[in-house]
Amino acid sequence: ARILNGGQVCVAPKRAIVEKSVKAAFEQKVVEKLAQKKYGVDFGPLVHSKARQDVAKQVADTQAAGAKVLAGGVDAPIPDGETGGAFFAPTVLTDVKPGMVAFDNEIFGPVIAIIEADSEAHAIELANRSPYGLGGAVFTQDLEKGERIAKSEIECGMCFVNDFVRSDPSLPFGGVKNSGLGRECAAFGMLEFVNVKTICVK
């Protein structure tokens, strides 16, 4: 989901907050899956070379602050035939922490930031430590716990359990905090375009 449209999608996941006990296995799985993706089929270049420069700087700044690159990165090779100067390799960053660019800002490119959490409560606190709140996802084998976290713990306008955030015309779409107010799509979206008129008769 992170490389959808080169990562240039508002609902593409930017941060993966993972409990310490499963972090190493998660990292390995992400890198393995990414290695199976093919340029020109599963992902392509960014929208223009300036976008590539912006993403490269964000990744370099995050790396300079102490994060590690598990795949891709600023120095990753450019695919044969790519001449537009807009290619940035799908990148996996780990050991990302608050205060780093990849944690605090939205990288609009194919970059996933893996963040370690000590516990469920710590993971929720990290997820909510953002000025944005468009969407989130909870992955767990305990569906009851996943629903509880999605409903009442994560500060976002849309939260999916064991699936990635997506835009569906039948579901209200929108966020909270700096991700904006109101909804589009579905019946709630229609209500955004009407005014409520109050009539009082005595």
N, C-alpha and C. Protein backbone atom coordinates (compact mmCIF):
# COMPACT_ATOMS: atom_id res chain seq x y z
N ALA A 1 0.82 -1.21 0.00
CA ALA A 1 0.00 0.00 0.00
C ALA A 1 0.86 1.26 0.00
N ARG A 2 2.08 1.17 0.54
CA ARG A 2 2.91 2.38 0.64
C ARG A 2 3.43 2.84 -0.71
N ILE A 3 3.57 1.93 -1.67
CA ILE A 3 4.10 2.35 -2.97
C ILE A 3 2.99 2.65 -3.97
N LEU A 4 1.74 2.62 -3.53
CA LEU A 4 0.62 2.99 -4.39
C LEU A 4 0.85 4.38 -4.96
N ASN A 5 0.83 4.48 -6.29
CA ASN A 5 1.06 5.76 -6.96
C ASN A 5 2.37 6.42 -6.52
N GLY A 6 3.37 5.58 -6.30
CA GLY A 6 4.67 6.11 -5.86
C GLY A 6 4.64 6.70 -4.47
N GLY A 7 3.66 6.30 -3.67
CA GLY A 7 3.54 6.85 -2.32
C GLY A 7 2.93 8.23 -2.29
N GLN A 8 2.47 8.70 -3.45
CA GLN A 8 1.93 10.06 -3.56
C GLN A 8 0.41 10.04 -3.43
N VAL A 9 -0.06 9.46 -2.35
CA VAL A 9 -1.49 9.34 -2.07
C VAL A 9 -1.69 9.66 -0.60
N CYS A 10 -2.70 10.44 -0.30
CA CYS A 10 -2.90 10.85 1.10
C CYS A 10 -3.15 9.67 2.02
N VAL A 11 -3.78 8.61 1.53
CA VAL A 11 -4.11 7.48 2.40
C VAL A 11 -3.02 6.40 2.42
N ALA A 12 -1.95 6.57 1.64
CA ALA A 12 -0.86 5.60 1.69
C ALA A 12 -0.20 5.67 3.07
N PRO A 13 0.00 4.53 3.74
CA PRO A 13 0.55 4.56 5.10
C PRO A 13 1.97 5.11 5.12
N LYS A 14 2.23 6.02 6.03
CA LYS A 14 3.56 6.64 6.14
C LYS A 14 4.38 6.02 7.27
N ARG A 15 3.71 5.69 8.38
CA ARG A 15 4.40 5.19 9.57
C ARG A 15 3.85 3.82 9.93
N ALA A 16 4.74 2.90 10.27
CA ALA A 16 4.33 1.59 10.79
C ALA A 16 4.86 1.50 12.21
N ILE A 17 3.94 1.58 13.16
CA ILE A 17 4.31 1.52 14.57
C ILE A 17 4.15 0.08 15.03
N VAL A 18 5.26 -0.54 15.40
CA VAL A 18 5.30 -1.99 15.61
C VAL A 18 5.81 -2.29 17.01
N GLU A 19 5.12 -3.22 17.69
CA GLU A 19 5.59 -3.61 19.03
C GLU A 19 6.95 -4.30 18.93
N LYS A 20 7.78 -4.04 19.93
CA LYS A 20 9.17 -4.49 19.93
C LYS A 20 9.30 -5.99 19.67
N SER A 21 8.40 -6.79 20.23
CA SER A 21 8.52 -8.25 20.14
C SER A 21 8.41 -8.78 18.71
N VAL A 22 7.78 -8.03 17.83
CA VAL A 22 7.60 -8.50 16.45
C VAL A 22 8.31 -7.61 15.43
N LYS A 23 9.07 -6.63 15.90
CA LYS A 23 9.68 -5.66 14.99
C LYS A 23 10.64 -6.31 14.00
N ALA A 24 11.54 -7.17 14.46
CA ALA A 24 12.52 -7.78 13.56
C ALA A 24 11.84 -8.61 12.48
N ALA A 25 10.85 -9.39 12.86
CA ALA A 25 10.13 -10.21 11.88
C ALA A 25 9.36 -9.33 10.90
N PHE A 26 8.79 -8.24 11.40
CA PHE A 26 8.06 -7.31 10.54
C PHE A 26 9.00 -6.67 9.53
N GLU A 27 10.16 -6.23 9.99
CA GLU A 27 11.14 -5.61 9.08
C GLU A 27 11.54 -6.58 7.97
N GLN A 28 11.80 -7.82 8.35
CA GLN A 28 12.22 -8.82 7.36
C GLN A 28 11.12 -9.04 6.32
N LYS A 29 9.89 -9.14 6.79
CA LYS A 29 8.76 -9.38 5.87
C LYS A 29 8.57 -8.20 4.92
N VAL A 30 8.67 -6.98 5.43
CA VAL A 30 8.50 -5.80 4.58
C VAL A 30 9.58 -5.76 3.50
N VAL A 31 10.82 -6.00 3.88
CA VAL A 31 11.93 -5.97 2.91
C VAL A 31 11.76 -7.07 1.87
N GLU A 32 11.34 -8.26 2.31
CA GLU A 32 11.13 -9.37 1.37
C GLU A 32 10.02 -9.04 0.37
N LYS A 33 8.92 -8.52 0.86
CA LYS A 33 7.80 -8.17 -0.03
C LYS A 33 8.19 -7.08 -1.01
N LEU A 34 8.93 -6.10 -0.53
CA LEU A 34 9.34 -4.99 -1.38
C LEU A 34 10.26 -5.47 -2.50
N ALA A 35 11.12 -6.44 -2.20
CA ALA A 35 12.05 -6.97 -3.20
C ALA A 35 11.32 -7.65 -4.35
N GLN A 36 10.09 -8.07 -4.13
CA GLN A 36 9.31 -8.74 -5.18
C GLN A 36 8.63 -7.75 -6.12
N LYS A 37 8.60 -6.48 -5.76
CA LYS A 37 7.93 -5.48 -6.58
C LYS A 37 8.81 -5.04 -7.74
N LYS A 38 8.17 -4.78 -8.89
CA LYS A 38 8.92 -4.45 -10.10
C LYS A 38 8.62 -3.03 -10.57
N TYR A 39 9.70 -2.34 -10.94
CA TYR A 39 9.57 -0.98 -11.48
C TYR A 39 8.83 -1.02 -12.80
N GLY A 40 7.90 -0.09 -12.98
CA GLY A 40 7.11 -0.04 -14.20
C GLY A 40 5.87 -0.89 -14.15
N VAL A 41 5.79 -1.75 -13.14
CA VAL A 41 4.60 -2.60 -12.95
C VAL A 41 3.92 -2.24 -11.63
N ASP A 42 4.69 -2.34 -10.55
CA ASP A 42 4.15 -2.08 -9.21
C ASP A 42 4.39 -0.65 -8.73
N PHE A 43 5.38 0.01 -9.28
CA PHE A 43 5.66 1.39 -8.89
C PHE A 43 6.40 2.08 -10.03
N GLY A 44 6.39 3.40 -10.00
CA GLY A 44 7.05 4.19 -11.03
C GLY A 44 7.75 5.38 -10.42
N PRO A 45 8.09 6.38 -11.23
CA PRO A 45 8.76 7.57 -10.72
C PRO A 45 7.79 8.49 -9.99
N LEU A 46 8.33 9.48 -9.34
CA LEU A 46 7.50 10.51 -8.71
C LEU A 46 7.00 11.48 -9.78
N VAL A 47 6.18 12.43 -9.37
CA VAL A 47 5.50 13.29 -10.33
C VAL A 47 6.47 14.19 -11.10
N HIS A 48 7.58 14.61 -10.47
CA HIS A 48 8.60 15.39 -11.16
C HIS A 48 9.90 15.37 -10.34
N SER A 49 10.96 15.89 -10.92
CA SER A 49 12.27 15.81 -10.27
C SER A 49 12.33 16.58 -8.95
N LYS A 50 11.58 17.67 -8.83
CA LYS A 50 11.55 18.43 -7.57
C LYS A 50 10.98 17.58 -6.44
N ALA A 51 9.94 16.79 -6.76
CA ALA A 51 9.38 15.89 -5.75
C ALA A 51 10.42 14.88 -5.30
N ARG A 52 11.22 14.40 -6.24
CA ARG A 52 12.28 13.45 -5.91
C ARG A 52 13.31 14.10 -4.98
N GLN A 53 13.67 15.34 -5.27
CA GLN A 53 14.63 16.06 -4.43
C GLN A 53 14.09 16.24 -3.01
N ASP A 54 12.81 16.56 -2.91
CA ASP A 54 12.19 16.75 -1.59
C ASP A 54 12.22 15.47 -0.78
N VAL A 55 11.84 14.35 -1.41
CA VAL A 55 11.82 13.06 -0.71
C VAL A 55 13.24 12.66 -0.31
N ALA A 56 14.19 12.85 -1.22
CA ALA A 56 15.59 12.49 -0.93
C ALA A 56 16.11 13.27 0.27
N LYS A 57 15.78 14.54 0.37
CA LYS A 57 16.23 15.36 1.51
C LYS A 57 15.59 14.88 2.80
N GLN A 58 14.30 14.55 2.76
CA GLN A 58 13.63 14.07 3.97
C GLN A 58 14.24 12.76 4.45
N VAL A 59 14.53 11.86 3.51
CA VAL A 59 15.14 10.58 3.88
C VAL A 59 16.55 10.80 4.42
N ALA A 60 17.33 11.63 3.75
CA ALA A 60 18.70 11.91 4.20
C ALA A 60 18.71 12.54 5.59
N ASP A 61 17.80 13.47 5.83
CA ASP A 61 17.72 14.12 7.15
C ASP A 61 17.34 13.12 8.23
N THR A 62 16.42 12.22 7.91
CA THR A 62 16.00 11.20 8.88
C THR A 62 17.15 10.25 9.18
N GLN A 63 17.87 9.87 8.13
CA GLN A 63 19.02 8.98 8.31
C GLN A 63 20.11 9.67 9.14
N ALA A 64 20.35 10.93 8.89
CA ALA A 64 21.37 11.68 9.63
C ALA A 64 21.01 11.79 11.11
N ALA A 65 19.71 11.73 11.42
CA ALA A 65 19.25 11.82 12.81
C ALA A 65 19.32 10.48 13.53
N GLY A 66 19.71 9.41 12.81
CA GLY A 66 19.90 8.13 13.49
C GLY A 66 19.09 6.97 12.96
N ALA A 67 18.20 7.20 12.02
CA ALA A 67 17.42 6.10 11.46
C ALA A 67 18.29 5.26 10.53
N LYS A 68 17.91 3.99 10.35
CA LYS A 68 18.65 3.09 9.46
C LYS A 68 17.82 2.83 8.20
N VAL A 69 18.52 2.66 7.08
CA VAL A 69 17.88 2.31 5.82
C VAL A 69 18.00 0.81 5.61
N LEU A 70 16.86 0.12 5.52
CA LEU A 70 16.85 -1.33 5.29
C LEU A 70 16.74 -1.67 3.82
N ALA A 71 16.18 -0.77 3.03
CA ALA A 71 16.03 -0.99 1.59
C ALA A 71 15.87 0.36 0.92
N GLY A 72 16.32 0.45 -0.33
CA GLY A 72 16.17 1.70 -1.08
C GLY A 72 17.12 2.76 -0.57
N GLY A 73 16.60 3.95 -0.38
CA GLY A 73 17.41 5.05 0.10
C GLY A 73 17.88 5.98 -1.00
N VAL A 74 18.55 7.02 -0.58
CA VAL A 74 18.99 8.08 -1.50
C VAL A 74 19.93 7.55 -2.57
N ASP A 75 20.79 6.58 -2.21
CA ASP A 75 21.81 6.09 -3.14
C ASP A 75 21.40 4.82 -3.88
N ALA A 76 20.14 4.44 -3.82
CA ALA A 76 19.69 3.23 -4.52
C ALA A 76 19.87 3.40 -6.03
N PRO A 77 20.18 2.32 -6.74
CA PRO A 77 20.39 2.42 -8.19
C PRO A 77 19.12 2.84 -8.93
N ILE A 78 19.31 3.53 -10.03
CA ILE A 78 18.20 3.97 -10.88
C ILE A 78 17.92 2.89 -11.92
N PRO A 79 16.67 2.52 -12.14
CA PRO A 79 16.36 1.46 -13.11
C PRO A 79 16.77 1.85 -14.53
N ASP A 80 17.10 0.84 -15.32
CA ASP A 80 17.40 1.06 -16.73
C ASP A 80 16.21 1.71 -17.42
N GLY A 81 16.49 2.70 -18.23
CA GLY A 81 15.43 3.36 -18.99
C GLY A 81 14.79 4.53 -18.28
N GLU A 82 15.11 4.73 -17.01
CA GLU A 82 14.55 5.86 -16.26
C GLU A 82 15.44 7.08 -16.48
N THR A 83 14.94 8.04 -17.24
CA THR A 83 15.76 9.21 -17.61
C THR A 83 15.15 10.53 -17.16
N GLY A 84 14.00 10.49 -16.49
CA GLY A 84 13.32 11.74 -16.15
C GLY A 84 13.81 12.44 -14.90
N GLY A 85 14.68 11.79 -14.14
CA GLY A 85 15.20 12.40 -12.92
C GLY A 85 14.22 12.45 -11.77
N ALA A 86 13.11 11.69 -11.89
CA ALA A 86 12.09 11.72 -10.84
C ALA A 86 11.99 10.41 -10.07
N PHE A 87 12.86 9.46 -10.36
CA PHE A 87 12.77 8.16 -9.69
C PHE A 87 13.34 8.23 -8.28
N PHE A 88 12.59 7.67 -7.32
CA PHE A 88 13.12 7.45 -5.98
C PHE A 88 12.72 6.04 -5.57
N ALA A 89 13.71 5.25 -5.21
CA ALA A 89 13.46 3.84 -4.91
C ALA A 89 12.57 3.68 -3.69
N PRO A 90 11.64 2.73 -3.71
CA PRO A 90 10.88 2.42 -2.50
C PRO A 90 11.86 2.16 -1.35
N THR A 91 11.60 2.81 -0.24
CA THR A 91 12.57 2.86 0.85
C THR A 91 11.95 2.44 2.18
N VAL A 92 12.70 1.65 2.93
CA VAL A 92 12.28 1.23 4.27
C VAL A 92 13.25 1.84 5.27
N LEU A 93 12.72 2.68 6.15
CA LEU A 93 13.51 3.26 7.24
C LEU A 93 13.09 2.60 8.54
N THR A 94 14.04 2.32 9.41
CA THR A 94 13.70 1.78 10.72
C THR A 94 14.41 2.57 11.81
N ASP A 95 14.02 2.28 13.05
CA ASP A 95 14.52 3.02 14.22
C ASP A 95 14.19 4.51 14.09
N VAL A 96 13.05 4.79 13.49
CA VAL A 96 12.57 6.17 13.38
C VAL A 96 11.93 6.56 14.71
N LYS A 97 12.21 7.78 15.16
CA LYS A 97 11.72 8.24 16.46
C LYS A 97 11.11 9.63 16.33
N PRO A 98 10.29 10.02 17.31
CA PRO A 98 9.76 11.38 17.32
C PRO A 98 10.89 12.40 17.24
N GLY A 99 10.67 13.46 16.49
CA GLY A 99 11.70 14.46 16.28
C GLY A 99 12.42 14.28 14.96
N MET A 100 12.33 13.09 14.37
CA MET A 100 12.91 12.85 13.05
C MET A 100 11.91 13.25 11.98
N VAL A 101 12.42 13.63 10.82
CA VAL A 101 11.56 14.11 9.73
C VAL A 101 10.52 13.06 9.34
N ALA A 102 10.93 11.80 9.24
CA ALA A 102 10.00 10.76 8.79
C ALA A 102 8.92 10.46 9.81
N PHE A 103 9.13 10.87 11.06
CA PHE A 103 8.09 10.71 12.07
C PHE A 103 7.16 11.91 12.09
N ASP A 104 7.75 13.09 12.07
CA ASP A 104 6.98 14.32 12.29
C ASP A 104 6.28 14.84 11.04
N ASN A 105 6.79 14.51 9.86
CA ASN A 105 6.25 15.06 8.62
C ASN A 105 5.73 13.96 7.70
N GLU A 106 4.93 14.37 6.74
CA GLU A 106 4.42 13.44 5.74
C GLU A 106 5.39 13.39 4.57
N ILE A 107 6.02 12.24 4.35
CA ILE A 107 6.87 12.07 3.17
C ILE A 107 5.98 11.60 2.03
N PHE A 108 5.85 12.44 1.02
CA PHE A 108 4.95 12.14 -0.09
C PHE A 108 5.71 11.38 -1.17
N GLY A 109 6.11 10.19 -0.83
CA GLY A 109 6.86 9.33 -1.73
C GLY A 109 6.88 7.93 -1.16
N PRO A 110 7.55 6.98 -1.84
CA PRO A 110 7.48 5.57 -1.46
C PRO A 110 8.40 5.22 -0.30
N VAL A 111 8.15 5.82 0.85
CA VAL A 111 9.01 5.65 2.02
C VAL A 111 8.15 5.24 3.21
N ILE A 112 8.50 4.12 3.84
CA ILE A 112 7.79 3.70 5.05
C ILE A 112 8.74 3.84 6.23
N ALA A 113 8.24 4.42 7.31
CA ALA A 113 9.03 4.61 8.53
C ALA A 113 8.56 3.61 9.58
N ILE A 114 9.46 2.73 10.00
CA ILE A 114 9.14 1.74 11.03
C ILE A 114 9.56 2.29 12.39
N ILE A 115 8.60 2.29 13.30
CA ILE A 115 8.79 2.90 14.62
C ILE A 115 8.51 1.84 15.68
N GLU A 116 9.42 1.69 16.61
CA GLU A 116 9.27 0.67 17.65
C GLU A 116 8.45 1.20 18.82
N ALA A 117 7.53 0.35 19.29
CA ALA A 117 6.73 0.67 20.48
C ALA A 117 6.99 -0.37 21.56
N ASP A 118 7.05 0.08 22.80
CA ASP A 118 7.30 -0.83 23.91
C ASP A 118 6.06 -1.61 24.33
N SER A 119 4.89 -1.07 24.01
CA SER A 119 3.65 -1.68 24.47
C SER A 119 2.49 -1.18 23.62
N GLU A 120 1.32 -1.73 23.86
CA GLU A 120 0.12 -1.25 23.16
C GLU A 120 -0.13 0.22 23.47
N ALA A 121 -0.03 0.58 24.74
CA ALA A 121 -0.27 1.97 25.13
C ALA A 121 0.74 2.91 24.48
N HIS A 122 1.99 2.47 24.41
CA HIS A 122 3.03 3.29 23.78
C HIS A 122 2.76 3.43 22.28
N ALA A 123 2.31 2.35 21.64
CA ALA A 123 2.00 2.40 20.21
C ALA A 123 0.88 3.41 19.94
N ILE A 124 -0.14 3.41 20.78
CA ILE A 124 -1.25 4.34 20.61
C ILE A 124 -0.78 5.78 20.81
N GLU A 125 0.05 5.97 21.84
CA GLU A 125 0.59 7.32 22.09
C GLU A 125 1.41 7.82 20.91
N LEU A 126 2.22 6.96 20.33
CA LEU A 126 3.02 7.33 19.16
C LEU A 126 2.13 7.63 17.96
N ALA A 127 1.11 6.82 17.77
CA ALA A 127 0.20 7.03 16.64
C ALA A 127 -0.48 8.39 16.73
N ASN A 128 -0.82 8.79 17.94
CA ASN A 128 -1.54 10.05 18.13
C ASN A 128 -0.61 11.26 18.23
N ARG A 129 0.70 11.02 18.26
CA ARG A 129 1.64 12.13 18.36
C ARG A 129 1.89 12.71 16.96
N SER A 130 0.86 13.33 16.43
CA SER A 130 0.92 13.90 15.08
C SER A 130 -0.12 15.00 14.97
N PRO A 131 0.19 16.05 14.22
CA PRO A 131 -0.82 17.09 14.00
C PRO A 131 -1.87 16.67 12.98
N TYR A 132 -1.65 15.50 12.36
CA TYR A 132 -2.57 15.03 11.32
C TYR A 132 -3.42 13.89 11.85
N GLY A 133 -4.55 13.66 11.19
CA GLY A 133 -5.43 12.59 11.62
C GLY A 133 -6.38 12.14 10.53
N LEU A 134 -5.84 11.85 9.34
CA LEU A 134 -6.72 11.40 8.26
C LEU A 134 -7.15 9.96 8.48
N GLY A 135 -6.21 9.05 8.49
CA GLY A 135 -6.58 7.65 8.64
C GLY A 135 -5.54 6.86 9.40
N GLY A 136 -5.95 5.71 9.89
CA GLY A 136 -5.05 4.82 10.59
C GLY A 136 -5.53 3.39 10.42
N ALA A 137 -4.67 2.46 10.78
CA ALA A 137 -5.02 1.05 10.69
C ALA A 137 -4.43 0.32 11.88
N VAL A 138 -5.17 -0.67 12.36
CA VAL A 138 -4.71 -1.49 13.47
C VAL A 138 -4.65 -2.93 12.97
N PHE A 139 -3.49 -3.56 13.10
CA PHE A 139 -3.34 -4.95 12.70
C PHE A 139 -3.12 -5.79 13.95
N THR A 140 -4.00 -6.77 14.14
CA THR A 140 -3.94 -7.58 15.35
C THR A 140 -4.69 -8.89 15.12
N GLN A 141 -4.33 -9.92 15.89
CA GLN A 141 -5.08 -11.17 15.85
C GLN A 141 -6.29 -11.12 16.78
N ASP A 142 -6.32 -10.13 17.64
CA ASP A 142 -7.42 -9.96 18.59
C ASP A 142 -8.38 -8.90 18.03
N LEU A 143 -9.43 -9.34 17.34
CA LEU A 143 -10.34 -8.41 16.68
C LEU A 143 -11.06 -7.50 17.66
N GLU A 144 -11.40 -8.03 18.84
CA GLU A 144 -12.08 -7.20 19.84
C GLU A 144 -11.18 -6.05 20.27
N LYS A 145 -9.91 -6.35 20.49
CA LYS A 145 -8.96 -5.31 20.86
C LYS A 145 -8.78 -4.32 19.70
N GLY A 146 -8.69 -4.85 18.48
CA GLY A 146 -8.53 -3.98 17.32
C GLY A 146 -9.67 -3.01 17.17
N GLU A 147 -10.90 -3.50 17.36
CA GLU A 147 -12.08 -2.62 17.27
C GLU A 147 -12.07 -1.56 18.35
N ARG A 148 -11.69 -1.97 19.56
CA ARG A 148 -11.64 -1.00 20.67
C ARG A 148 -10.65 0.11 20.38
N ILE A 149 -9.47 -0.26 19.92
CA ILE A 149 -8.45 0.74 19.62
C ILE A 149 -8.91 1.65 18.49
N ALA A 150 -9.48 1.05 17.45
CA ALA A 150 -9.93 1.83 16.29
C ALA A 150 -11.03 2.81 16.68
N LYS A 151 -11.96 2.36 17.52
CA LYS A 151 -13.12 3.20 17.88
C LYS A 151 -12.76 4.33 18.83
N SER A 152 -11.93 4.04 19.83
CA SER A 152 -11.80 5.02 20.91
C SER A 152 -10.38 5.46 21.23
N GLU A 153 -9.36 4.88 20.59
CA GLU A 153 -7.99 5.22 20.98
C GLU A 153 -7.23 6.01 19.92
N ILE A 154 -7.44 5.72 18.65
CA ILE A 154 -6.67 6.37 17.58
C ILE A 154 -7.38 7.64 17.13
N GLU A 155 -6.66 8.74 17.12
CA GLU A 155 -7.23 10.05 16.75
C GLU A 155 -7.14 10.24 15.24
N CYS A 156 -8.16 9.74 14.54
CA CYS A 156 -8.19 9.89 13.08
C CYS A 156 -9.64 9.79 12.60
N GLY A 157 -9.85 10.26 11.38
CA GLY A 157 -11.20 10.27 10.83
C GLY A 157 -11.66 8.92 10.30
N MET A 158 -10.71 8.06 9.97
CA MET A 158 -11.03 6.73 9.44
C MET A 158 -10.03 5.75 10.03
N CYS A 159 -10.50 4.64 10.56
CA CYS A 159 -9.59 3.64 11.11
C CYS A 159 -10.03 2.25 10.66
N PHE A 160 -9.13 1.52 10.08
CA PHE A 160 -9.41 0.18 9.57
C PHE A 160 -8.73 -0.85 10.46
N VAL A 161 -9.35 -2.00 10.61
CA VAL A 161 -8.78 -3.09 11.39
C VAL A 161 -8.38 -4.21 10.44
N ASN A 162 -7.11 -4.57 10.47
CA ASN A 162 -6.54 -5.61 9.61
C ASN A 162 -6.72 -5.32 8.12
N ASP A 163 -6.69 -4.06 7.77
CA ASP A 163 -6.74 -3.63 6.37
C ASP A 163 -6.17 -2.22 6.30
N PHE A 164 -5.80 -1.82 5.10
CA PHE A 164 -5.25 -0.48 4.92
C PHE A 164 -6.35 0.52 4.63
N VAL A 165 -6.12 1.76 4.99
CA VAL A 165 -7.07 2.84 4.73
C VAL A 165 -7.26 2.97 3.22
N ARG A 166 -8.49 3.15 2.81
CA ARG A 166 -8.78 3.33 1.39
C ARG A 166 -9.96 4.27 1.23
N SER A 167 -10.10 4.79 0.04
CA SER A 167 -11.25 5.63 -0.27
C SER A 167 -12.30 4.78 -0.97
N ASP A 168 -13.49 4.76 -0.42
CA ASP A 168 -14.60 3.98 -0.97
C ASP A 168 -15.80 4.90 -1.05
N PRO A 169 -16.42 5.05 -2.22
CA PRO A 169 -17.55 5.99 -2.35
C PRO A 169 -18.71 5.71 -1.40
N SER A 170 -18.78 4.49 -0.87
CA SER A 170 -19.89 4.15 0.03
C SER A 170 -19.58 4.48 1.48
N LEU A 171 -18.35 4.95 1.76
CA LEU A 171 -17.95 5.25 3.13
C LEU A 171 -17.59 6.71 3.28
N PRO A 172 -17.93 7.33 4.41
CA PRO A 172 -17.51 8.72 4.65
C PRO A 172 -15.99 8.82 4.66
N PHE A 173 -15.45 9.83 3.98
CA PHE A 173 -14.00 10.00 3.87
C PHE A 173 -13.61 11.36 4.42
N GLY A 174 -12.68 11.39 5.36
CA GLY A 174 -12.22 12.66 5.91
C GLY A 174 -11.46 12.45 7.20
N GLY A 175 -10.81 13.52 7.68
CA GLY A 175 -9.96 13.38 8.84
C GLY A 175 -10.30 14.32 9.98
N VAL A 176 -9.38 14.38 10.94
CA VAL A 176 -9.49 15.28 12.09
C VAL A 176 -8.15 16.00 12.23
N LYS A 177 -8.07 16.87 13.21
CA LYS A 177 -6.87 17.68 13.46
C LYS A 177 -6.51 18.44 12.19
N ASN A 178 -5.23 18.50 11.82
CA ASN A 178 -4.82 19.28 10.65
C ASN A 178 -5.14 18.59 9.33
N SER A 179 -5.78 17.45 9.39
CA SER A 179 -6.21 16.78 8.16
C SER A 179 -7.57 17.28 7.69
N GLY A 180 -8.13 18.26 8.39
CA GLY A 180 -9.33 18.92 7.88
C GLY A 180 -10.60 18.51 8.59
N LEU A 181 -11.66 19.22 8.24
CA LEU A 181 -12.98 18.98 8.82
C LEU A 181 -13.93 18.49 7.74
N GLY A 182 -15.01 17.87 8.17
CA GLY A 182 -16.04 17.47 7.22
C GLY A 182 -15.73 16.15 6.55
N ARG A 183 -16.70 15.67 5.78
CA ARG A 183 -16.59 14.39 5.09
C ARG A 183 -17.03 14.53 3.65
N GLU A 184 -16.47 13.68 2.81
CA GLU A 184 -16.95 13.52 1.45
C GLU A 184 -17.33 12.06 1.28
N CYS A 185 -18.08 11.78 0.24
CA CYS A 185 -18.56 10.43 -0.08
C CYS A 185 -19.69 10.00 0.88
N ALA A 186 -20.49 9.08 0.39
CA ALA A 186 -21.63 8.51 1.13
C ALA A 186 -22.62 9.60 1.55
N ALA A 187 -23.57 9.24 2.39
CA ALA A 187 -24.62 10.19 2.80
C ALA A 187 -24.03 11.37 3.57
N PHE A 188 -22.99 11.10 4.38
CA PHE A 188 -22.37 12.19 5.14
C PHE A 188 -21.73 13.21 4.21
N GLY A 189 -21.20 12.75 3.09
CA GLY A 189 -20.63 13.67 2.11
C GLY A 189 -21.68 14.57 1.49
N MET A 190 -22.86 14.02 1.22
CA MET A 190 -23.95 14.83 0.67
C MET A 190 -24.37 15.91 1.65
N LEU A 191 -24.38 15.58 2.93
CA LEU A 191 -24.81 16.54 3.95
C LEU A 191 -23.85 17.73 4.06
N GLU A 192 -22.59 17.56 3.63
CA GLU A 192 -21.63 18.66 3.67
C GLU A 192 -22.02 19.79 2.71
N PHE A 193 -22.89 19.48 1.73
CA PHE A 193 -23.24 20.45 0.70
C PHE A 193 -24.61 21.09 0.93
N VAL A 194 -25.18 20.86 2.10
CA VAL A 194 -26.48 21.46 2.40
C VAL A 194 -26.37 22.32 3.65
N ASN A 195 -27.30 23.26 3.78
CA ASN A 195 -27.38 24.09 4.98
C ASN A 195 -28.60 23.69 5.79
N VAL A 196 -28.44 23.67 7.08
CA VAL A 196 -29.56 23.39 7.97
C VAL A 196 -30.24 24.71 8.30
N LYS A 197 -31.54 24.76 8.10
CA LYS A 197 -32.30 25.98 8.39
C LYS A 197 -33.16 25.74 9.63
N THR A 198 -33.02 26.61 10.60
CA THR A 198 -33.81 26.50 11.83
C THR A 198 -35.06 27.35 11.71
N ILE A 199 -36.23 26.75 11.97
CA ILE A 199 -37.51 27.46 11.95
C ILE A 199 -38.12 27.36 13.34
N CYS A 200 -38.43 28.49 13.94
CA CYS A 200 -39.10 28.51 15.24
C CYS A 200 -40.46 29.18 15.08
N VAL A 201 -41.51 28.53 15.54
CA VAL A 201 -42.87 29.08 15.48
C VAL A 201 -43.42 29.13 16.89
N LYS A 202 -43.94 30.30 17.27
CA LYS A 202 -44.49 30.46 18.62
C LYS A 202 -46.01 30.56 18.54
